[in-house]
Amino acid sequence: MSKQIFRIPGEALLDLVSHGRGGPHGASGRLTPAQVGQIRRTVRRAPEVVVKVLPRDSNSLNAAGKHLDYIGRYGELDLQTDDGEQLQGRVGKALLEGWDLDIDDVRRQADLAATKGRKPPKLIHKLMFSMPPGTPPDKVLAAVRNFARDEFWGQHRYAFTLHTDEPHPHVHLVLKAVSEQGVRLNIKKTTLRHWRSEFARNLRLLGVEANATERAVRGETRKARKDGIYRASLRGDSTYVRAQTEAVAAELLSGRFQVEPGKSTLIETRTKVERGWRITSEILFAQGHPELAAQVNRFVNQLPPPRTERELVADELKQRARDPRVRDRHPTR
């Protein structure tokens, strides 16, 4: 009987689980060198890349221009464009005009969408590429430049800039939503997975260790927070985080702490992930990689138990209660 790794059709090897979308799917055969490399990076906890789509204010020229000026820090930072230019000053509006957006067509689509109760179509996509603290900022910038050239050049107009005012170096990229050929780009989960993989690959080509795997495969259960919530929590003024913490604290004090209904799904997902990793270990051993197979088994054995968001908050509160010297941790993305 052939060994099978649990995966979703069309996704990477390490998507070992269906994430509740219809159960496991089998895939047999040998592991390629690229797959072995990704396994090795994952079990060694290589730095994970982040690619995010910022959600709001992308469907008007005014909002798009303001965002370009914002990421350029209102003239303090240069904006690099798809044609190799480096623009200085508050150039958001002029840049968008140079992109020749078909405003009449966009307005017709917006009117049509409005009559059907839909949101107006986006003029731009606001992307952010980031790496953990300690990553050379110039390498992050170069990786995004190379990634954008490969993915978008000659199709979608774009501009980008590097920010180093936070511990994690990150690049903001503004992408014209409609291509020069008139095709609208719709960003799906598979699109983001591909972009993460390519961003990581470009970093590795520059000598920066980088990986792109799903959270569940790495044993992480805390969901990524929306960018606004994450940044507010870093400043210590997130009303969402405060309300969540106060609610959990109140339940702990009353002795009526309740776990979210999604806990059973987390456990089911973890079971499938661990099974997939064990089968991966067997395949590695059979292919002559005994040391990596042993590392995979150790990796699985050391995965933390699956915890819901509220359980993680409760654990942090209990830890603070046991040791008042423990400071708040930085919020997880």
Protein backbone atom coordinates (compact mmCIF):
# COMPACT_ATOMS: atom_id res chain seq x y z
CA MET A 1 0.00 0.00 0.00
CA SER A 2 1.51 3.32 -1.02
CA LYS A 3 2.09 6.07 1.50
CA GLN A 4 -0.04 9.16 1.13
CA ILE A 5 0.46 12.74 2.28
CA PHE A 6 -2.65 14.72 3.13
CA ARG A 7 -2.91 17.79 0.97
CA ILE A 8 -5.29 20.03 -0.94
CA PRO A 9 -5.25 19.68 -4.74
CA GLY A 10 -3.26 22.49 -6.31
CA GLU A 11 -1.47 23.49 -3.10
CA ALA A 12 2.07 22.92 -1.91
CA LEU A 13 3.35 19.71 -0.34
CA LEU A 14 3.15 21.00 3.20
CA ASP A 15 -0.53 21.81 3.02
CA LEU A 16 -1.03 18.53 4.83
CA VAL A 17 -4.61 19.14 5.81
CA SER A 18 -7.82 20.24 4.18
CA HIS A 19 -8.50 22.84 6.89
CA GLY A 20 -12.05 21.57 7.20
CA ARG A 21 -12.81 21.86 3.47
CA GLY A 22 -13.82 18.34 2.64
CA GLY A 23 -11.29 16.12 4.35
CA PRO A 24 -7.87 14.75 3.36
CA HIS A 25 -6.82 14.07 -0.18
CA GLY A 26 -4.14 11.57 -1.03
CA ALA A 27 -1.00 12.10 -3.05
CA SER A 28 1.60 9.40 -3.52
CA GLY A 29 5.07 9.39 -5.06
CA ARG A 30 8.57 10.51 -4.29
CA LEU A 31 9.46 13.83 -2.76
CA THR A 32 11.26 16.24 -5.07
CA PRO A 33 14.43 18.06 -3.96
CA ALA A 34 12.39 21.26 -3.66
CA GLN A 35 9.89 19.54 -1.40
CA VAL A 36 12.67 18.07 0.74
CA GLY A 37 14.16 21.55 1.03
CA GLN A 38 10.86 23.01 2.21
CA ILE A 39 10.47 20.24 4.77
CA ARG A 40 13.98 20.91 6.07
CA ARG A 41 13.29 24.66 6.40
CA THR A 42 9.99 24.05 8.16
CA VAL A 43 11.26 21.65 10.82
CA ARG A 44 14.22 23.95 11.47
CA ARG A 45 11.79 26.85 11.96
CA ALA A 46 13.18 29.03 9.18
CA PRO A 47 11.78 32.61 9.23
CA GLU A 48 8.33 32.77 7.66
CA VAL A 49 7.47 35.45 5.14
CA VAL A 50 4.31 37.53 5.46
CA VAL A 51 2.28 38.80 2.51
CA LYS A 52 -0.87 40.74 3.36
CA VAL A 53 -3.58 42.55 1.44
CA LEU A 54 -4.61 45.70 3.31
CA PRO A 55 -8.38 45.79 3.16
CA ARG A 56 -9.80 49.31 3.13
CA ASP A 57 -10.09 52.46 0.98
CA SER A 58 -9.01 51.12 -2.39
CA ASN A 59 -11.95 52.06 -4.60
CA SER A 60 -11.54 55.80 -5.21
CA LEU A 61 -8.81 57.92 -6.77
CA ASN A 62 -8.67 60.13 -3.70
CA ALA A 63 -8.17 57.21 -1.30
CA ALA A 64 -5.63 55.55 -3.60
CA GLY A 65 -3.62 58.76 -3.90
CA LYS A 66 -3.66 59.26 -0.14
CA HIS A 67 -2.36 55.75 0.41
CA LEU A 68 0.52 56.30 -2.02
CA ASP A 69 1.42 59.52 -0.20
CA TYR A 70 1.13 57.69 3.14
CA ILE A 71 3.50 54.85 2.23
CA GLY A 72 5.90 57.46 0.84
CA ARG A 73 5.70 59.19 4.22
CA TYR A 74 4.37 62.31 2.48
CA GLY A 75 7.48 62.88 0.44
CA GLU A 76 10.16 61.64 2.84
CA LEU A 77 10.60 58.25 1.11
CA ASP A 78 11.15 57.52 -2.57
CA LEU A 79 8.55 55.50 -4.44
CA GLN A 80 9.99 52.98 -6.91
CA THR A 81 7.85 52.19 -9.94
CA ASP A 82 7.49 49.31 -12.36
CA ASP A 83 9.42 51.23 -15.03
CA GLY A 84 12.43 51.73 -12.73
CA GLU A 85 11.79 55.33 -11.74
CA GLN A 86 12.35 56.62 -8.19
CA LEU A 87 9.81 59.32 -7.44
CA GLN A 88 10.21 61.92 -4.73
CA GLY A 89 7.63 64.09 -3.02
CA ARG A 90 3.88 63.71 -2.69
CA VAL A 91 3.34 62.08 -6.06
CA GLY A 92 0.32 59.85 -5.40
CA LYS A 93 -2.20 61.69 -7.56
CA ALA A 94 0.22 62.28 -10.43
CA LEU A 95 1.31 58.65 -10.42
CA LEU A 96 -2.25 57.38 -10.64
CA GLU A 97 -2.96 59.74 -13.52
CA GLY A 98 0.08 58.32 -15.27
CA TRP A 99 -1.36 54.84 -14.91
CA ASP A 100 -4.25 55.86 -17.23
CA LEU A 101 -7.03 54.38 -15.15
CA ASP A 102 -10.22 54.15 -17.16
CA ILE A 103 -12.31 56.09 -14.65
CA ASP A 104 -15.47 56.14 -16.78
CA ASP A 105 -15.46 52.35 -17.02
CA VAL A 106 -14.70 52.00 -13.33
CA ARG A 107 -17.58 54.34 -12.51
CA ARG A 108 -19.95 52.33 -14.69
CA GLN A 109 -18.91 49.19 -12.85
CA ALA A 110 -19.30 50.99 -9.53
CA ASP A 111 -22.82 52.16 -10.44
CA LEU A 112 -23.73 48.66 -11.52
CA ALA A 113 -22.32 47.19 -8.34
CA ALA A 114 -24.15 49.77 -6.23
CA THR A 115 -27.49 48.90 -7.81
CA LYS A 116 -26.92 45.27 -6.87
CA GLY A 117 -25.85 46.11 -3.34
CA ARG A 118 -22.20 45.28 -3.98
CA LYS A 119 -19.11 47.22 -3.05
CA PRO A 120 -17.52 49.34 -5.81
CA PRO A 121 -14.58 47.62 -7.53
CA LYS A 122 -11.08 48.35 -6.32
CA LEU A 123 -8.84 50.69 -8.28
CA ILE A 124 -5.74 49.34 -6.55
CA HIS A 125 -4.59 46.47 -4.37
CA LYS A 126 -2.58 47.48 -1.30
CA LEU A 127 0.00 44.79 -0.52
CA MET A 128 2.54 44.47 2.27
CA PHE A 129 5.56 42.13 2.32
CA SER A 130 7.42 41.69 5.59
CA MET A 131 10.01 39.62 7.39
CA PRO A 132 10.93 39.15 11.07
CA PRO A 133 13.23 41.58 12.90
CA GLY A 134 16.89 41.14 12.02
CA THR A 135 16.31 40.52 8.32
CA PRO A 136 18.44 42.89 6.19
CA PRO A 137 16.01 45.57 4.93
CA ASP A 138 17.83 45.98 1.63
CA LYS A 139 17.37 42.28 0.91
CA VAL A 140 13.63 42.52 1.66
CA LEU A 141 13.36 45.46 -0.74
CA ALA A 142 15.36 43.67 -3.45
CA ALA A 143 13.28 40.50 -3.07
CA VAL A 144 10.03 42.45 -3.50
CA ARG A 145 11.47 44.30 -6.50
CA ASN A 146 12.40 41.00 -8.17
CA PHE A 147 9.11 39.37 -7.21
CA ALA A 148 7.04 42.25 -8.62
CA ARG A 149 9.01 42.27 -11.87
CA ASP A 150 8.40 38.54 -12.35
CA GLU A 151 4.71 38.63 -11.39
CA PHE A 152 3.40 41.96 -12.64
CA TRP A 153 5.73 43.73 -15.08
CA GLY A 154 4.06 44.51 -18.39
CA GLN A 155 0.65 43.61 -16.98
CA HIS A 156 -0.20 45.57 -13.84
CA ARG A 157 1.32 48.96 -13.02
CA TYR A 158 2.79 49.18 -9.52
CA ALA A 159 4.86 51.26 -7.10
CA PHE A 160 6.53 50.29 -3.83
CA THR A 161 8.67 51.53 -0.97
CA LEU A 162 10.53 50.14 2.05
CA HIS A 163 9.59 50.93 5.66
CA THR A 164 12.07 50.40 8.49
CA ASP A 165 10.27 52.32 11.25
CA GLU A 166 9.12 49.08 12.89
CA PRO A 167 11.22 46.11 14.07
CA HIS A 168 10.17 43.96 11.11
CA PRO A 169 11.32 45.43 7.76
CA HIS A 170 8.44 45.58 5.31
CA VAL A 171 7.64 46.83 1.84
CA HIS A 172 4.34 48.44 0.81
CA LEU A 173 3.37 47.80 -2.80
CA VAL A 174 0.45 49.46 -4.59
CA LEU A 175 -0.80 47.45 -7.56
CA LYS A 176 -3.20 48.65 -10.25
CA ALA A 177 -6.21 46.31 -10.02
CA VAL A 178 -6.90 46.24 -13.78
CA SER A 179 -4.11 45.11 -16.07
CA GLU A 180 -2.92 46.94 -19.17
CA GLN A 181 -4.82 44.29 -21.09
CA GLY A 182 -8.07 45.16 -19.27
CA VAL A 183 -8.17 42.10 -17.00
CA ARG A 184 -9.12 42.65 -13.35
CA LEU A 185 -6.98 40.87 -10.76
CA ASN A 186 -8.98 39.07 -8.11
CA ILE A 187 -6.79 37.99 -5.19
CA LYS A 188 -7.73 34.58 -3.81
CA LYS A 189 -6.21 32.43 -1.07
CA THR A 190 -4.32 30.44 -3.68
CA THR A 191 -2.96 33.73 -5.08
CA LEU A 192 -1.60 34.71 -1.67
CA ARG A 193 -0.05 31.26 -1.17
CA HIS A 194 1.72 31.58 -4.51
CA TRP A 195 2.93 35.09 -3.69
CA ARG A 196 4.25 33.99 -0.30
CA SER A 197 6.11 31.10 -1.92
CA GLU A 198 7.65 33.35 -4.59
CA PHE A 199 8.57 36.08 -2.09
CA ALA A 200 10.36 33.46 0.03
CA ARG A 201 12.12 32.04 -3.03
CA ASN A 202 13.39 35.46 -4.04
CA LEU A 203 14.73 36.05 -0.53
CA ARG A 204 16.57 32.73 -0.61
CA LEU A 205 18.12 33.66 -3.97
CA LEU A 206 19.57 36.69 -2.15
CA GLY A 207 21.00 34.51 0.64
CA VAL A 208 18.23 35.14 3.18
CA GLU A 209 16.72 32.10 4.87
CA ALA A 210 12.97 32.29 4.30
CA ASN A 211 10.05 29.90 4.20
CA ALA A 212 6.34 29.93 3.32
CA THR A 213 4.11 27.33 4.96
CA GLU A 214 0.59 27.25 6.41
CA ARG A 215 0.15 28.06 10.11
CA ALA A 216 -1.53 24.76 10.90
CA VAL A 217 1.37 22.81 9.41
CA ARG A 218 3.76 24.66 11.74
CA GLY A 219 1.58 23.88 14.75
CA GLU A 220 0.28 27.42 15.13
CA THR A 221 -3.39 27.90 15.99
CA ARG A 222 -3.60 31.65 16.64
CA LYS A 223 -5.06 33.34 13.60
CA ALA A 224 -3.35 36.33 12.02
CA ARG A 225 -4.91 39.54 13.27
CA LYS A 226 -6.15 42.17 10.89
CA ASP A 227 -3.54 44.81 10.23
CA GLY A 228 -5.39 47.58 12.08
CA ILE A 229 -5.91 45.43 15.18
CA TYR A 230 -2.30 44.26 15.11
CA ARG A 231 -0.85 47.76 14.87
CA ALA A 232 -3.19 49.10 17.55
CA SER A 233 -2.20 46.24 19.85
CA LEU A 234 1.48 47.06 19.33
CA ARG A 235 0.69 50.59 20.53
CA GLY A 236 -1.29 49.18 23.44
CA ASP A 237 -4.56 50.86 22.44
CA SER A 238 -6.47 48.09 20.64
CA THR A 239 -10.07 48.12 21.86
CA TYR A 240 -10.55 44.64 20.38
CA VAL A 241 -7.63 43.11 22.32
CA ARG A 242 -8.62 44.96 25.50
CA ALA A 243 -12.23 43.80 25.31
CA GLN A 244 -11.18 40.22 24.62
CA THR A 245 -8.73 40.21 27.54
CA GLU A 246 -11.27 41.72 29.94
CA ALA A 247 -13.93 39.17 28.93
CA VAL A 248 -11.58 36.23 29.46
CA ALA A 249 -10.37 37.65 32.79
CA ALA A 250 -13.95 38.03 34.01
CA GLU A 251 -14.74 34.42 33.11
CA LEU A 252 -11.60 33.16 34.87
CA LEU A 253 -12.48 35.08 38.02
CA SER A 254 -16.03 33.70 38.03
CA GLY A 255 -14.84 30.16 37.34
CA ARG A 256 -16.94 29.99 34.18
CA PHE A 257 -14.30 30.12 31.48
CA GLN A 258 -15.68 28.83 28.17
CA VAL A 259 -13.70 27.57 25.19
CA GLU A 260 -14.83 28.56 21.70
CA PRO A 261 -16.86 25.99 19.72
CA GLY A 262 -14.04 25.87 17.16
CA LYS A 263 -11.79 23.88 19.51
CA SER A 264 -12.98 20.57 18.03
CA THR A 265 -12.01 21.77 14.55
CA LEU A 266 -8.53 22.70 15.80
CA ILE A 267 -8.09 19.24 17.27
CA GLU A 268 -9.27 17.56 14.08
CA THR A 269 -6.92 19.70 12.00
CA ARG A 270 -3.98 18.93 14.27
CA THR A 271 -4.69 15.19 14.03
CA LYS A 272 -4.53 15.37 10.23
CA VAL A 273 -1.38 17.51 10.30
CA GLU A 274 0.42 15.10 12.63
CA ARG A 275 -0.63 12.13 10.50
CA GLY A 276 0.66 13.90 7.40
CA TRP A 277 3.98 14.67 9.07
CA ARG A 278 4.40 11.05 10.22
CA ILE A 279 3.80 9.78 6.69
CA THR A 280 6.23 12.40 5.36
CA SER A 281 8.85 11.08 7.80
CA GLU A 282 8.36 7.54 6.49
CA ILE A 283 8.76 8.69 2.89
CA LEU A 284 11.93 10.62 3.76
CA PHE A 285 13.42 7.57 5.46
CA ALA A 286 12.60 5.39 2.47
CA GLN A 287 14.24 7.93 0.14
CA GLY A 288 17.50 7.92 2.07
CA HIS A 289 17.02 10.94 4.37
CA PRO A 290 17.08 9.27 7.82
CA GLU A 291 18.37 12.35 9.66
CA LEU A 292 15.67 14.61 8.25
CA ALA A 293 13.06 11.93 8.94
CA ALA A 294 14.15 11.94 12.58
CA GLN A 295 13.99 15.75 12.66
CA VAL A 296 10.41 15.59 11.35
CA ASN A 297 9.43 13.20 14.15
CA ARG A 298 11.03 15.45 16.77
CA PHE A 299 9.27 18.44 15.23
CA VAL A 300 5.89 16.70 15.54
CA ASN A 301 6.59 15.58 19.10
CA GLN A 302 7.42 19.16 20.11
CA LEU A 303 4.32 20.80 18.59
CA PRO A 304 2.42 22.74 21.27
CA PRO A 305 -1.12 21.51 21.98
CA PRO A 306 -3.79 23.15 19.84
CA ARG A 307 -5.18 26.19 21.67
CA THR A 308 -7.97 28.58 20.73
CA GLU A 309 -7.49 32.36 20.83
CA ARG A 310 -9.33 32.60 24.15
CA GLU A 311 -7.29 29.76 25.65
CA LEU A 312 -4.07 31.54 24.66
CA VAL A 313 -5.29 34.75 26.29
CA ALA A 314 -6.27 32.80 29.42
CA ASP A 315 -2.81 31.17 29.56
CA GLU A 316 -1.14 34.59 29.36
CA LEU A 317 -3.36 35.96 32.13
CA LYS A 318 -2.60 32.97 34.38
CA GLN A 319 1.13 33.39 33.74
CA ARG A 320 0.97 37.06 34.73
CA ALA A 321 -0.95 36.14 37.88
CA ARG A 322 1.72 33.60 38.85
CA ASP A 323 4.59 35.97 38.11
CA PRO A 324 3.78 39.74 38.16
CA ARG A 325 7.19 40.46 36.63
CA VAL A 326 6.08 38.91 33.35
CA ARG A 327 5.36 41.68 30.85
CA ASP A 328 2.80 41.57 28.12
CA ARG A 329 3.98 39.76 25.06
CA HIS A 330 4.01 41.41 21.69
CA PRO A 331 0.74 40.56 19.94
CA THR A 332 0.95 37.78 17.40
CA ARG A 333 0.08 38.59 13.80
